[in-house]
Amino acid sequence: MQQAFSHVTTWVFDLDNTLYPPSDALFDQIDVLMTAYVMDSLKLDQPTANKLRADYWAQYGTTLAGLMEVHDLDPEPFLDVVHQIDLSHVQADHDLRAAIQQLDGRKIVYTNGSRTHAERVTQARGLSGVFDAMYGVEHAGYEPKPRRVAFERVFALDGVNPETAALFEDDQRNLEIPHAMGMKTVLVGPKDDRPYIHYQTNNLTDFLSRLTGLSALSQSA
């Protein structure tokens, strides 16, 4: 496996359900806030707003993308409100920090959320200072993953060469275009046999540790 990643000089990490476990349930909070925002903005009842939120996520890649395209919604207030979540239960993961630090090359976070959200979550996870840069949907002109233009904009901004980069993502939809661009792709989540997924893991820390040869973890997460 180490040989398969020997050409990689840039490591790109998704944020939500990738750099923290799904059991932290941060998206449960975000979904509630998004539904409330849709209710208020479009004057809908809760069931209708909740269904619209989910439908737009499935159809447009993110709820925000659907709201912008169909309703011309201003993205900045939306991103501010829906990311005001409680992180008090999120635990620092010192083993994950050590594993990421062992990676040779540039390390960035790229999320469909905002950069402020990424900064808050990585701080809660004890990952502050590990990454060279963090990018949110605003850096892609509010175009969401999995759209190719979103990846192209963020990668151009950072100077990422997809052919010497790897991407870690929990949403398989967001791996197809990067694979076509020449990236090494790793699904962080349940096994999926789609041909654009090179590797799959349910334990990012373990995967990175095997990749870098980091044999002794502190087990202090």
N, C-alpha and C. Protein backbone atom coordinates (compact mmCIF):
# COMPACT_ATOMS: atom_id res chain seq x y z
N MET A 1 0.82 -1.21 0.00
CA MET A 1 0.00 0.00 0.00
C MET A 1 0.86 1.26 0.00
N GLN A 2 1.96 1.26 0.72
CA GLN A 2 2.81 2.43 0.75
C GLN A 2 3.30 2.79 -0.63
N GLN A 3 3.62 1.78 -1.44
CA GLN A 3 4.08 2.02 -2.80
C GLN A 3 3.01 2.71 -3.64
N ALA A 4 1.75 2.34 -3.41
CA ALA A 4 0.65 2.91 -4.19
C ALA A 4 0.49 4.40 -3.94
N PHE A 5 0.97 4.89 -2.81
CA PHE A 5 0.85 6.31 -2.47
C PHE A 5 2.21 7.02 -2.52
N SER A 6 3.23 6.36 -3.04
CA SER A 6 4.58 6.92 -2.99
C SER A 6 4.72 8.20 -3.82
N HIS A 7 3.82 8.39 -4.81
CA HIS A 7 3.88 9.57 -5.67
C HIS A 7 3.13 10.76 -5.09
N VAL A 8 2.41 10.55 -4.00
CA VAL A 8 1.52 11.59 -3.47
C VAL A 8 2.31 12.66 -2.73
N THR A 9 2.07 13.92 -3.13
CA THR A 9 2.71 15.06 -2.46
C THR A 9 1.68 16.00 -1.82
N THR A 10 0.40 15.77 -2.11
CA THR A 10 -0.67 16.57 -1.49
C THR A 10 -1.76 15.65 -0.99
N TRP A 11 -2.13 15.83 0.27
CA TRP A 11 -3.14 14.99 0.92
C TRP A 11 -4.36 15.86 1.21
N VAL A 12 -5.48 15.52 0.60
CA VAL A 12 -6.70 16.32 0.71
C VAL A 12 -7.72 15.55 1.56
N PHE A 13 -8.20 16.19 2.61
CA PHE A 13 -9.15 15.56 3.52
C PHE A 13 -10.48 16.30 3.51
N ASP A 14 -11.56 15.55 3.32
CA ASP A 14 -12.88 16.07 3.63
C ASP A 14 -12.94 16.26 5.15
N LEU A 15 -13.96 16.96 5.61
CA LEU A 15 -14.08 17.24 7.04
C LEU A 15 -15.12 16.37 7.73
N ASP A 16 -16.39 16.62 7.42
CA ASP A 16 -17.48 16.00 8.17
C ASP A 16 -17.55 14.50 7.93
N ASN A 17 -17.60 13.74 9.03
CA ASN A 17 -17.65 12.28 9.02
C ASN A 17 -16.40 11.66 8.39
N THR A 18 -15.35 12.46 8.25
CA THR A 18 -14.06 11.97 7.77
C THR A 18 -12.99 12.20 8.82
N LEU A 19 -12.87 13.45 9.28
CA LEU A 19 -11.89 13.77 10.31
C LEU A 19 -12.46 13.62 11.72
N TYR A 20 -13.72 13.24 11.81
CA TYR A 20 -14.31 12.84 13.09
C TYR A 20 -15.26 11.69 12.80
N PRO A 21 -15.54 10.85 13.78
CA PRO A 21 -16.41 9.69 13.55
C PRO A 21 -17.87 10.09 13.39
N PRO A 22 -18.62 9.39 12.55
CA PRO A 22 -20.04 9.69 12.39
C PRO A 22 -20.81 9.65 13.71
N SER A 23 -20.31 8.89 14.67
CA SER A 23 -20.98 8.81 15.97
C SER A 23 -21.01 10.15 16.71
N ASP A 24 -20.17 11.09 16.30
CA ASP A 24 -20.23 12.43 16.90
C ASP A 24 -21.50 13.18 16.49
N ALA A 25 -22.11 12.73 15.39
CA ALA A 25 -23.45 13.19 14.97
C ALA A 25 -23.54 14.71 14.79
N LEU A 26 -22.49 15.32 14.29
CA LEU A 26 -22.55 16.76 14.07
C LEU A 26 -23.56 17.12 12.99
N PHE A 27 -23.70 16.24 12.00
CA PHE A 27 -24.65 16.54 10.94
C PHE A 27 -26.09 16.44 11.41
N ASP A 28 -26.35 15.72 12.48
CA ASP A 28 -27.69 15.72 13.05
C ASP A 28 -28.07 17.14 13.47
N GLN A 29 -27.12 17.82 14.09
CA GLN A 29 -27.35 19.20 14.49
C GLN A 29 -27.48 20.12 13.27
N ILE A 30 -26.59 19.93 12.30
CA ILE A 30 -26.61 20.78 11.11
C ILE A 30 -27.92 20.61 10.35
N ASP A 31 -28.39 19.36 10.24
CA ASP A 31 -29.65 19.11 9.53
C ASP A 31 -30.81 19.84 10.18
N VAL A 32 -30.85 19.84 11.50
CA VAL A 32 -31.93 20.55 12.22
C VAL A 32 -31.87 22.05 11.93
N LEU A 33 -30.66 22.60 11.96
CA LEU A 33 -30.51 24.03 11.71
C LEU A 33 -30.83 24.38 10.25
N MET A 34 -30.45 23.50 9.33
CA MET A 34 -30.78 23.75 7.92
C MET A 34 -32.28 23.72 7.69
N THR A 35 -32.94 22.74 8.28
CA THR A 35 -34.40 22.66 8.13
C THR A 35 -35.08 23.91 8.68
N ALA A 36 -34.61 24.36 9.84
CA ALA A 36 -35.18 25.57 10.45
C ALA A 36 -34.94 26.78 9.56
N TYR A 37 -33.76 26.85 8.95
CA TYR A 37 -33.45 27.98 8.07
C TYR A 37 -34.35 27.96 6.84
N VAL A 38 -34.57 26.77 6.27
CA VAL A 38 -35.45 26.64 5.11
C VAL A 38 -36.88 27.02 5.49
N MET A 39 -37.33 26.57 6.66
CA MET A 39 -38.67 26.93 7.13
C MET A 39 -38.84 28.45 7.18
N ASP A 40 -37.86 29.11 7.77
CA ASP A 40 -37.95 30.55 7.96
C ASP A 40 -37.82 31.31 6.63
N SER A 41 -36.88 30.87 5.80
CA SER A 41 -36.61 31.59 4.56
C SER A 41 -37.71 31.42 3.52
N LEU A 42 -38.27 30.21 3.44
CA LEU A 42 -39.26 29.92 2.40
C LEU A 42 -40.68 29.84 2.94
N LYS A 43 -40.83 30.06 4.25
CA LYS A 43 -42.15 30.05 4.89
C LYS A 43 -42.85 28.70 4.68
N LEU A 44 -42.14 27.65 5.05
CA LEU A 44 -42.66 26.28 4.91
C LEU A 44 -42.85 25.66 6.28
N ASP A 45 -43.71 24.65 6.36
CA ASP A 45 -43.81 23.90 7.61
C ASP A 45 -42.63 22.95 7.72
N GLN A 46 -42.45 22.38 8.93
CA GLN A 46 -41.26 21.57 9.20
C GLN A 46 -41.15 20.34 8.29
N PRO A 47 -42.20 19.55 8.10
CA PRO A 47 -42.05 18.37 7.24
C PRO A 47 -41.69 18.73 5.80
N THR A 48 -42.29 19.77 5.27
CA THR A 48 -42.00 20.18 3.90
C THR A 48 -40.57 20.69 3.77
N ALA A 49 -40.15 21.49 4.74
CA ALA A 49 -38.79 22.03 4.72
C ALA A 49 -37.75 20.92 4.87
N ASN A 50 -38.03 19.96 5.73
CA ASN A 50 -37.09 18.86 5.94
C ASN A 50 -36.95 18.01 4.68
N LYS A 51 -38.06 17.77 4.00
CA LYS A 51 -38.01 17.00 2.76
C LYS A 51 -37.26 17.77 1.68
N LEU A 52 -37.49 19.07 1.60
CA LEU A 52 -36.79 19.89 0.61
C LEU A 52 -35.30 19.89 0.88
N ARG A 53 -34.91 19.98 2.14
CA ARG A 53 -33.49 19.94 2.51
C ARG A 53 -32.84 18.66 1.99
N ALA A 54 -33.48 17.52 2.26
CA ALA A 54 -32.92 16.24 1.84
C ALA A 54 -32.93 16.08 0.32
N ASP A 55 -34.02 16.54 -0.32
CA ASP A 55 -34.12 16.43 -1.77
C ASP A 55 -33.05 17.26 -2.47
N TYR A 56 -32.81 18.46 -1.97
CA TYR A 56 -31.79 19.31 -2.59
C TYR A 56 -30.40 18.72 -2.40
N TRP A 57 -30.15 18.13 -1.24
CA TRP A 57 -28.85 17.47 -1.01
C TRP A 57 -28.64 16.37 -2.05
N ALA A 58 -29.65 15.57 -2.29
CA ALA A 58 -29.53 14.46 -3.23
C ALA A 58 -29.40 14.95 -4.67
N GLN A 59 -30.14 16.00 -5.01
CA GLN A 59 -30.19 16.45 -6.40
C GLN A 59 -29.05 17.38 -6.78
N TYR A 60 -28.65 18.26 -5.86
CA TYR A 60 -27.69 19.31 -6.19
C TYR A 60 -26.32 19.11 -5.54
N GLY A 61 -26.17 18.12 -4.69
CA GLY A 61 -24.89 17.91 -4.01
C GLY A 61 -24.88 18.46 -2.61
N THR A 62 -25.51 19.61 -2.41
CA THR A 62 -25.71 20.17 -1.07
C THR A 62 -27.08 20.85 -1.04
N THR A 63 -27.63 20.97 0.16
CA THR A 63 -28.87 21.72 0.33
C THR A 63 -28.69 23.16 -0.12
N LEU A 64 -27.55 23.75 0.24
CA LEU A 64 -27.29 25.14 -0.13
C LEU A 64 -27.32 25.34 -1.64
N ALA A 65 -26.72 24.43 -2.39
CA ALA A 65 -26.68 24.57 -3.85
C ALA A 65 -28.09 24.62 -4.43
N GLY A 66 -28.98 23.78 -3.90
CA GLY A 66 -30.36 23.79 -4.36
C GLY A 66 -31.07 25.08 -4.00
N LEU A 67 -30.84 25.55 -2.79
CA LEU A 67 -31.48 26.79 -2.36
C LEU A 67 -30.99 27.98 -3.18
N MET A 68 -29.72 27.97 -3.54
CA MET A 68 -29.19 29.06 -4.36
C MET A 68 -29.75 29.00 -5.77
N GLU A 69 -29.79 27.81 -6.34
CA GLU A 69 -30.21 27.66 -7.74
C GLU A 69 -31.70 27.88 -7.92
N VAL A 70 -32.49 27.35 -7.00
CA VAL A 70 -33.95 27.40 -7.17
C VAL A 70 -34.54 28.66 -6.56
N HIS A 71 -33.96 29.13 -5.43
CA HIS A 71 -34.58 30.23 -4.69
C HIS A 71 -33.69 31.47 -4.57
N ASP A 72 -32.51 31.42 -5.22
CA ASP A 72 -31.59 32.57 -5.20
C ASP A 72 -31.24 32.99 -3.77
N LEU A 73 -31.05 32.01 -2.90
CA LEU A 73 -30.77 32.28 -1.49
C LEU A 73 -29.33 32.77 -1.30
N ASP A 74 -29.14 33.73 -0.42
CA ASP A 74 -27.82 34.27 -0.09
C ASP A 74 -27.06 33.22 0.73
N PRO A 75 -25.90 32.75 0.26
CA PRO A 75 -25.22 31.65 0.94
C PRO A 75 -24.57 32.00 2.27
N GLU A 76 -24.09 33.23 2.42
CA GLU A 76 -23.30 33.55 3.61
C GLU A 76 -24.09 33.46 4.91
N PRO A 77 -25.26 34.07 5.01
CA PRO A 77 -26.03 33.91 6.25
C PRO A 77 -26.40 32.45 6.53
N PHE A 78 -26.72 31.72 5.47
CA PHE A 78 -27.05 30.30 5.62
C PHE A 78 -25.89 29.55 6.25
N LEU A 79 -24.69 29.70 5.70
CA LEU A 79 -23.52 28.98 6.22
C LEU A 79 -23.22 29.37 7.66
N ASP A 80 -23.41 30.62 7.98
CA ASP A 80 -23.15 31.08 9.35
C ASP A 80 -24.11 30.42 10.33
N VAL A 81 -25.39 30.40 10.00
CA VAL A 81 -26.40 29.89 10.92
C VAL A 81 -26.31 28.38 11.09
N VAL A 82 -26.18 27.64 10.00
CA VAL A 82 -26.28 26.18 10.08
C VAL A 82 -25.04 25.54 10.71
N HIS A 83 -23.96 26.30 10.85
CA HIS A 83 -22.76 25.74 11.46
C HIS A 83 -22.57 26.18 12.91
N GLN A 84 -23.58 26.81 13.48
CA GLN A 84 -23.51 27.19 14.90
C GLN A 84 -23.94 26.00 15.76
N ILE A 85 -23.07 25.00 15.80
CA ILE A 85 -23.39 23.74 16.47
C ILE A 85 -22.56 23.58 17.73
N ASP A 86 -23.03 22.70 18.60
CA ASP A 86 -22.34 22.40 19.86
C ASP A 86 -21.25 21.36 19.60
N LEU A 87 -20.00 21.70 19.94
CA LEU A 87 -18.87 20.80 19.74
C LEU A 87 -18.30 20.30 21.07
N SER A 88 -19.02 20.53 22.16
CA SER A 88 -18.47 20.23 23.48
C SER A 88 -18.22 18.74 23.69
N HIS A 89 -18.92 17.88 22.95
CA HIS A 89 -18.75 16.44 23.11
C HIS A 89 -17.67 15.86 22.19
N VAL A 90 -17.15 16.66 21.29
CA VAL A 90 -16.15 16.20 20.34
C VAL A 90 -14.80 16.07 21.04
N GLN A 91 -14.17 14.93 20.89
CA GLN A 91 -12.92 14.66 21.60
C GLN A 91 -11.71 14.83 20.69
N ALA A 92 -10.64 15.34 21.28
CA ALA A 92 -9.37 15.42 20.55
C ALA A 92 -8.86 14.01 20.27
N ASP A 93 -8.29 13.83 19.09
CA ASP A 93 -7.76 12.52 18.69
C ASP A 93 -6.27 12.67 18.42
N HIS A 94 -5.46 12.37 19.44
CA HIS A 94 -4.02 12.58 19.34
C HIS A 94 -3.37 11.55 18.41
N ASP A 95 -3.96 10.38 18.30
CA ASP A 95 -3.42 9.37 17.38
C ASP A 95 -3.64 9.80 15.93
N LEU A 96 -4.82 10.33 15.63
CA LEU A 96 -5.08 10.83 14.28
C LEU A 96 -4.14 11.98 13.96
N ARG A 97 -3.94 12.85 14.91
CA ARG A 97 -3.02 13.98 14.71
C ARG A 97 -1.62 13.48 14.36
N ALA A 98 -1.15 12.50 15.12
CA ALA A 98 0.19 11.96 14.86
C ALA A 98 0.28 11.31 13.49
N ALA A 99 -0.78 10.60 13.11
CA ALA A 99 -0.78 9.91 11.82
C ALA A 99 -0.76 10.90 10.66
N ILE A 100 -1.53 11.97 10.76
CA ILE A 100 -1.55 12.98 9.70
C ILE A 100 -0.21 13.69 9.62
N GLN A 101 0.37 13.99 10.78
CA GLN A 101 1.65 14.68 10.79
C GLN A 101 2.75 13.87 10.12
N GLN A 102 2.61 12.55 10.12
CA GLN A 102 3.62 11.68 9.52
C GLN A 102 3.57 11.69 7.99
N LEU A 103 2.50 12.18 7.42
CA LEU A 103 2.38 12.21 5.97
C LEU A 103 3.39 13.20 5.38
N ASP A 104 4.07 12.77 4.37
CA ASP A 104 5.10 13.59 3.74
C ASP A 104 4.47 14.40 2.61
N GLY A 105 4.37 15.70 2.79
CA GLY A 105 3.80 16.55 1.76
C GLY A 105 2.83 17.56 2.34
N ARG A 106 2.12 18.22 1.44
CA ARG A 106 1.16 19.25 1.83
C ARG A 106 -0.14 18.60 2.25
N LYS A 107 -0.77 19.12 3.30
CA LYS A 107 -2.01 18.55 3.84
C LYS A 107 -3.05 19.65 3.93
N ILE A 108 -4.22 19.42 3.28
CA ILE A 108 -5.27 20.43 3.29
C ILE A 108 -6.62 19.80 3.61
N VAL A 109 -7.52 20.63 4.09
CA VAL A 109 -8.91 20.24 4.32
C VAL A 109 -9.77 20.94 3.27
N TYR A 110 -10.68 20.19 2.66
CA TYR A 110 -11.62 20.77 1.70
C TYR A 110 -13.01 20.23 2.01
N THR A 111 -13.91 21.13 2.43
CA THR A 111 -15.23 20.75 2.87
C THR A 111 -16.31 21.50 2.10
N ASN A 112 -17.48 20.89 1.99
CA ASN A 112 -18.65 21.57 1.45
C ASN A 112 -19.27 22.52 2.47
N GLY A 113 -18.77 22.49 3.70
CA GLY A 113 -19.15 23.48 4.69
C GLY A 113 -18.28 24.72 4.53
N SER A 114 -18.26 25.55 5.52
CA SER A 114 -17.45 26.77 5.47
C SER A 114 -16.08 26.53 6.09
N ARG A 115 -15.14 27.41 5.77
CA ARG A 115 -13.81 27.30 6.38
C ARG A 115 -13.91 27.52 7.89
N THR A 116 -14.77 28.42 8.32
CA THR A 116 -14.94 28.64 9.76
C THR A 116 -15.38 27.36 10.44
N HIS A 117 -16.30 26.63 9.83
CA HIS A 117 -16.73 25.34 10.36
C HIS A 117 -15.55 24.38 10.44
N ALA A 118 -14.73 24.34 9.41
CA ALA A 118 -13.57 23.46 9.41
C ALA A 118 -12.59 23.83 10.51
N GLU A 119 -12.40 25.10 10.72
CA GLU A 119 -11.48 25.55 11.76
C GLU A 119 -11.99 25.15 13.14
N ARG A 120 -13.28 25.32 13.38
CA ARG A 120 -13.86 24.96 14.68
C ARG A 120 -13.76 23.46 14.95
N VAL A 121 -14.10 22.67 13.95
CA VAL A 121 -14.13 21.21 14.14
C VAL A 121 -12.71 20.67 14.31
N THR A 122 -11.78 21.11 13.49
CA THR A 122 -10.42 20.59 13.62
C THR A 122 -9.80 21.02 14.95
N GLN A 123 -10.16 22.19 15.43
CA GLN A 123 -9.68 22.60 16.75
C GLN A 123 -10.23 21.67 17.83
N ALA A 124 -11.52 21.36 17.74
CA ALA A 124 -12.13 20.45 18.72
C ALA A 124 -11.50 19.06 18.67
N ARG A 125 -11.05 18.65 17.51
CA ARG A 125 -10.43 17.33 17.33
C ARG A 125 -8.96 17.33 17.67
N GLY A 126 -8.43 18.47 18.09
CA GLY A 126 -7.02 18.54 18.43
C GLY A 126 -6.12 18.54 17.22
N LEU A 127 -6.63 19.04 16.09
CA LEU A 127 -5.89 19.00 14.83
C LEU A 127 -5.44 20.39 14.37
N SER A 128 -5.53 21.37 15.23
CA SER A 128 -5.08 22.71 14.86
C SER A 128 -3.58 22.68 14.56
N GLY A 129 -3.20 23.35 13.49
CA GLY A 129 -1.79 23.43 13.12
C GLY A 129 -1.28 22.26 12.31
N VAL A 130 -2.12 21.26 12.08
CA VAL A 130 -1.70 20.08 11.32
C VAL A 130 -1.78 20.35 9.82
N PHE A 131 -2.75 21.14 9.41
CA PHE A 131 -3.01 21.33 7.98
C PHE A 131 -2.39 22.63 7.47
N ASP A 132 -1.96 22.57 6.22
CA ASP A 132 -1.35 23.74 5.59
C ASP A 132 -2.39 24.75 5.14
N ALA A 133 -3.61 24.30 4.86
CA ALA A 133 -4.68 25.20 4.43
C ALA A 133 -6.02 24.52 4.63
N MET A 134 -7.07 25.33 4.73
CA MET A 134 -8.43 24.82 4.82
C MET A 134 -9.31 25.59 3.84
N TYR A 135 -10.11 24.84 3.10
CA TYR A 135 -10.98 25.44 2.10
C TYR A 135 -12.41 25.01 2.33
N GLY A 136 -13.32 25.97 2.20
CA GLY A 136 -14.75 25.69 2.30
C GLY A 136 -15.42 25.90 0.97
N VAL A 137 -16.73 25.71 0.96
CA VAL A 137 -17.50 25.85 -0.29
C VAL A 137 -17.38 27.27 -0.84
N GLU A 138 -17.12 28.24 0.02
CA GLU A 138 -16.97 29.61 -0.46
C GLU A 138 -15.78 29.77 -1.39
N HIS A 139 -14.74 28.95 -1.19
CA HIS A 139 -13.55 29.03 -2.04
C HIS A 139 -13.79 28.43 -3.43
N ALA A 140 -14.88 27.69 -3.58
CA ALA A 140 -15.26 27.14 -4.88
C ALA A 140 -16.37 27.99 -5.52
N GLY A 141 -16.55 29.21 -5.03
CA GLY A 141 -17.61 30.06 -5.55
C GLY A 141 -18.99 29.50 -5.23
N TYR A 142 -19.07 28.77 -4.11
CA TYR A 142 -20.30 28.12 -3.62
C TYR A 142 -20.77 26.98 -4.53
N GLU A 143 -19.91 26.56 -5.46
CA GLU A 143 -20.19 25.33 -6.20
C GLU A 143 -19.81 24.16 -5.28
N PRO A 144 -20.68 23.16 -5.14
CA PRO A 144 -20.39 22.08 -4.20
C PRO A 144 -19.69 20.89 -4.85
N LYS A 145 -18.90 20.18 -4.03
CA LYS A 145 -18.59 18.81 -4.43
C LYS A 145 -19.93 18.09 -4.55
N PRO A 146 -20.16 17.22 -5.53
CA PRO A 146 -19.17 16.57 -6.39
C PRO A 146 -18.97 17.22 -7.75
N ARG A 147 -19.37 18.48 -7.96
CA ARG A 147 -19.22 19.10 -9.27
C ARG A 147 -17.74 19.31 -9.60
N ARG A 148 -17.38 19.02 -10.83
CA ARG A 148 -15.98 19.12 -11.24
C ARG A 148 -15.45 20.54 -11.07
N VAL A 149 -16.27 21.54 -11.38
CA VAL A 149 -15.82 22.92 -11.28
C VAL A 149 -15.43 23.27 -9.86
N ALA A 150 -16.07 22.66 -8.87
CA ALA A 150 -15.73 22.93 -7.47
C ALA A 150 -14.31 22.45 -7.17
N PHE A 151 -14.02 21.21 -7.56
CA PHE A 151 -12.66 20.69 -7.36
C PHE A 151 -11.64 21.52 -8.12
N GLU A 152 -11.95 21.86 -9.35
CA GLU A 152 -11.00 22.62 -10.18
C GLU A 152 -10.68 23.97 -9.55
N ARG A 153 -11.67 24.63 -9.00
CA ARG A 153 -11.43 25.95 -8.41
C ARG A 153 -10.57 25.86 -7.15
N VAL A 154 -10.89 24.92 -6.28
CA VAL A 154 -10.12 24.79 -5.03
C VAL A 154 -8.71 24.29 -5.32
N PHE A 155 -8.58 23.33 -6.22
CA PHE A 155 -7.26 22.81 -6.53
C PHE A 155 -6.40 23.87 -7.21
N ALA A 156 -7.00 24.69 -8.06
CA ALA A 156 -6.25 25.78 -8.69
C ALA A 156 -5.81 26.80 -7.64
N LEU A 157 -6.69 27.08 -6.69
CA LEU A 157 -6.38 28.04 -5.64
C LEU A 157 -5.20 27.57 -4.79
N ASP A 158 -5.15 26.28 -4.52
CA ASP A 158 -4.09 25.75 -3.67
C ASP A 158 -2.86 25.29 -4.46
N GLY A 159 -3.01 25.13 -5.77
CA GLY A 159 -1.92 24.61 -6.57
C GLY A 159 -1.81 23.10 -6.54
N VAL A 160 -2.94 22.42 -6.29
CA VAL A 160 -2.94 20.96 -6.22
C VAL A 160 -2.83 20.36 -7.62
N ASN A 161 -1.90 19.46 -7.79
CA ASN A 161 -1.82 18.64 -9.00
C ASN A 161 -2.53 17.33 -8.70
N PRO A 162 -3.70 17.09 -9.28
CA PRO A 162 -4.45 15.88 -8.94
C PRO A 162 -3.67 14.59 -9.15
N GLU A 163 -2.74 14.60 -10.09
CA GLU A 163 -2.01 13.37 -10.39
C GLU A 163 -0.98 13.02 -9.33
N THR A 164 -0.72 13.96 -8.42
CA THR A 164 0.18 13.67 -7.30
C THR A 164 -0.54 13.96 -5.97
N ALA A 165 -1.84 13.68 -5.94
CA ALA A 165 -2.64 13.98 -4.75
C ALA A 165 -3.53 12.80 -4.40
N ALA A 166 -3.93 12.74 -3.14
CA ALA A 166 -4.86 11.73 -2.65
C ALA A 166 -6.00 12.43 -1.91
N LEU A 167 -7.20 11.84 -2.02
CA LEU A 167 -8.38 12.42 -1.39
C LEU A 167 -9.04 11.41 -0.47
N PHE A 168 -9.35 11.85 0.75
CA PHE A 168 -10.05 11.03 1.75
C PHE A 168 -11.43 11.63 1.94
N GLU A 169 -12.47 10.83 1.69
CA GLU A 169 -13.86 11.31 1.68
C GLU A 169 -14.80 10.26 2.24
N ASP A 170 -15.86 10.71 2.94
CA ASP A 170 -16.86 9.77 3.43
C ASP A 170 -18.01 9.59 2.44
N ASP A 171 -18.16 10.50 1.48
CA ASP A 171 -19.27 10.46 0.52
C ASP A 171 -18.72 9.97 -0.81
N GLN A 172 -19.13 8.78 -1.22
CA GLN A 172 -18.59 8.18 -2.44
C GLN A 172 -18.85 9.07 -3.66
N ARG A 173 -19.90 9.86 -3.66
CA ARG A 173 -20.20 10.74 -4.79
C ARG A 173 -19.05 11.70 -5.08
N ASN A 174 -18.34 12.07 -4.03
CA ASN A 174 -17.29 13.08 -4.16
C ASN A 174 -15.94 12.50 -4.55
N LEU A 175 -15.90 11.22 -4.87
CA LEU A 175 -14.66 10.58 -5.28
C LEU A 175 -14.59 10.32 -6.78
N GLU A 176 -15.72 10.34 -7.47
CA GLU A 176 -15.72 9.98 -8.88
C GLU A 176 -14.94 10.98 -9.74
N ILE A 177 -15.22 12.26 -9.59
CA ILE A 177 -14.52 13.27 -10.38
C ILE A 177 -13.03 13.33 -10.03
N PRO A 178 -12.65 13.35 -8.75
CA PRO A 178 -11.23 13.33 -8.43
C PRO A 178 -10.50 12.12 -9.02
N HIS A 179 -11.14 10.96 -9.01
CA HIS A 179 -10.55 9.77 -9.64
C HIS A 179 -10.30 10.04 -11.12
N ALA A 180 -11.29 10.63 -11.80
CA ALA A 180 -11.14 10.93 -13.22
C ALA A 180 -10.04 11.97 -13.47
N MET A 181 -9.78 12.82 -12.47
CA MET A 181 -8.74 13.84 -12.59
C MET A 181 -7.35 13.27 -12.31
N GLY A 182 -7.30 12.02 -11.83
CA GLY A 182 -6.02 11.37 -11.60
C GLY A 182 -5.62 11.20 -10.16
N MET A 183 -6.54 11.50 -9.23
CA MET A 183 -6.22 11.40 -7.81
C MET A 183 -6.32 9.96 -7.32
N LYS A 184 -5.58 9.67 -6.26
CA LYS A 184 -5.76 8.44 -5.50
C LYS A 184 -6.94 8.68 -4.55
N THR A 185 -7.91 7.77 -4.54
CA THR A 185 -9.14 7.99 -3.77
C THR A 185 -9.29 6.98 -2.65
N VAL A 186 -9.71 7.49 -1.49
CA VAL A 186 -9.93 6.64 -0.32
C VAL A 186 -11.30 6.98 0.27
N LEU A 187 -12.16 5.98 0.32
CA LEU A 187 -13.47 6.14 0.94
C LEU A 187 -13.36 5.86 2.43
N VAL A 188 -13.75 6.81 3.26
CA VAL A 188 -13.73 6.65 4.71
C VAL A 188 -15.16 6.34 5.14
N GLY A 189 -15.47 5.06 5.23
CA GLY A 189 -16.83 4.65 5.54
C GLY A 189 -17.08 3.23 5.07
N PRO A 190 -18.35 2.82 5.02
CA PRO A 190 -18.68 1.45 4.64
C PRO A 190 -18.16 1.09 3.26
N LYS A 191 -17.86 -0.17 3.08
CA LYS A 191 -17.29 -0.67 1.83
C LYS A 191 -18.20 -0.35 0.65
N ASP A 192 -17.59 0.04 -0.46
CA ASP A 192 -18.30 0.36 -1.69
C ASP A 192 -17.42 -0.10 -2.85
N ASP A 193 -18.00 -0.82 -3.79
CA ASP A 193 -17.22 -1.43 -4.87
C ASP A 193 -17.18 -0.59 -6.14
N ARG A 194 -17.57 0.64 -6.09
CA ARG A 194 -17.53 1.46 -7.30
C ARG A 194 -16.09 1.57 -7.81
N PRO A 195 -15.91 1.56 -9.12
CA PRO A 195 -14.56 1.46 -9.69
C PRO A 195 -13.69 2.69 -9.46
N TYR A 196 -14.28 3.81 -9.07
CA TYR A 196 -13.47 5.01 -8.84
C TYR A 196 -12.98 5.12 -7.39
N ILE A 197 -13.20 4.08 -6.60
CA ILE A 197 -12.70 4.06 -5.22
C ILE A 197 -11.50 3.11 -5.17
N HIS A 198 -10.33 3.67 -4.93
CA HIS A 198 -9.12 2.84 -4.87
C HIS A 198 -9.03 2.05 -3.57
N TYR A 199 -9.32 2.74 -2.46
CA TYR A 199 -9.20 2.11 -1.14
C TYR A 199 -10.40 2.51 -0.29
N GLN A 200 -10.66 1.69 0.71
CA GLN A 200 -11.76 1.94 1.65
C GLN A 200 -11.26 1.63 3.06
N THR A 201 -11.69 2.44 4.01
CA THR A 201 -11.35 2.18 5.40
C THR A 201 -12.47 2.67 6.31
N ASN A 202 -12.67 1.97 7.40
CA ASN A 202 -13.57 2.42 8.45
C ASN A 202 -12.81 3.09 9.59
N ASN A 203 -11.48 3.14 9.46
CA ASN A 203 -10.65 3.70 10.52
C ASN A 203 -9.53 4.51 9.89
N LEU A 204 -9.74 5.82 9.78
CA LEU A 204 -8.77 6.67 9.11
C LEU A 204 -7.42 6.65 9.81
N THR A 205 -7.41 6.67 11.12
CA THR A 205 -6.16 6.67 11.86
C THR A 205 -5.34 5.42 11.56
N ASP A 206 -6.00 4.28 11.58
CA ASP A 206 -5.31 3.03 11.29
C ASP A 206 -4.78 3.01 9.85
N PHE A 207 -5.59 3.47 8.91
CA PHE A 207 -5.18 3.48 7.51
C PHE A 207 -3.95 4.35 7.32
N LEU A 208 -3.97 5.56 7.86
CA LEU A 208 -2.83 6.46 7.72
C LEU A 208 -1.59 5.92 8.43
N SER A 209 -1.81 5.26 9.55
CA SER A 209 -0.68 4.71 10.30
C SER A 209 0.00 3.60 9.52
N ARG A 210 -0.80 2.76 8.87
CA ARG A 210 -0.22 1.71 8.03
C ARG A 210 0.45 2.31 6.80
N LEU A 211 -0.11 3.38 6.31
CA LEU A 211 0.44 4.03 5.12
C LEU A 211 1.80 4.65 5.40
N THR A 212 1.95 5.22 6.58
CA THR A 212 3.20 5.91 6.91
C THR A 212 4.18 5.04 7.68
N GLY A 213 3.73 3.84 8.08
CA GLY A 213 4.59 2.97 8.87
C GLY A 213 4.67 3.38 10.31
N LEU A 214 3.70 4.18 10.76
CA LEU A 214 3.67 4.62 12.15
C LEU A 214 3.10 3.47 12.97
N SER A 215 3.96 2.73 13.64
CA SER A 215 3.52 1.48 14.27
C SER A 215 3.01 1.66 15.69
N ALA A 216 3.53 2.65 16.39
CA ALA A 216 3.17 2.79 17.80
C ALA A 216 2.27 3.99 17.99
N LEU A 217 1.01 3.74 18.25
CA LEU A 217 0.06 4.81 18.54
C LEU A 217 -0.13 4.93 20.04
N SER A 218 -0.46 6.13 20.48
CA SER A 218 -0.57 6.36 21.93
C SER A 218 -1.83 5.77 22.53
N GLN A 219 -2.83 5.47 21.67
CA GLN A 219 -4.13 4.97 22.16
C GLN A 219 -4.75 5.93 23.15
N SER A 220 -4.48 7.21 22.97
CA SER A 220 -4.98 8.19 23.93
C SER A 220 -6.12 9.02 23.38
N ALA A 221 -6.65 8.66 22.22
CA ALA A 221 -7.72 9.45 21.63
C ALA A 221 -8.96 9.38 22.50
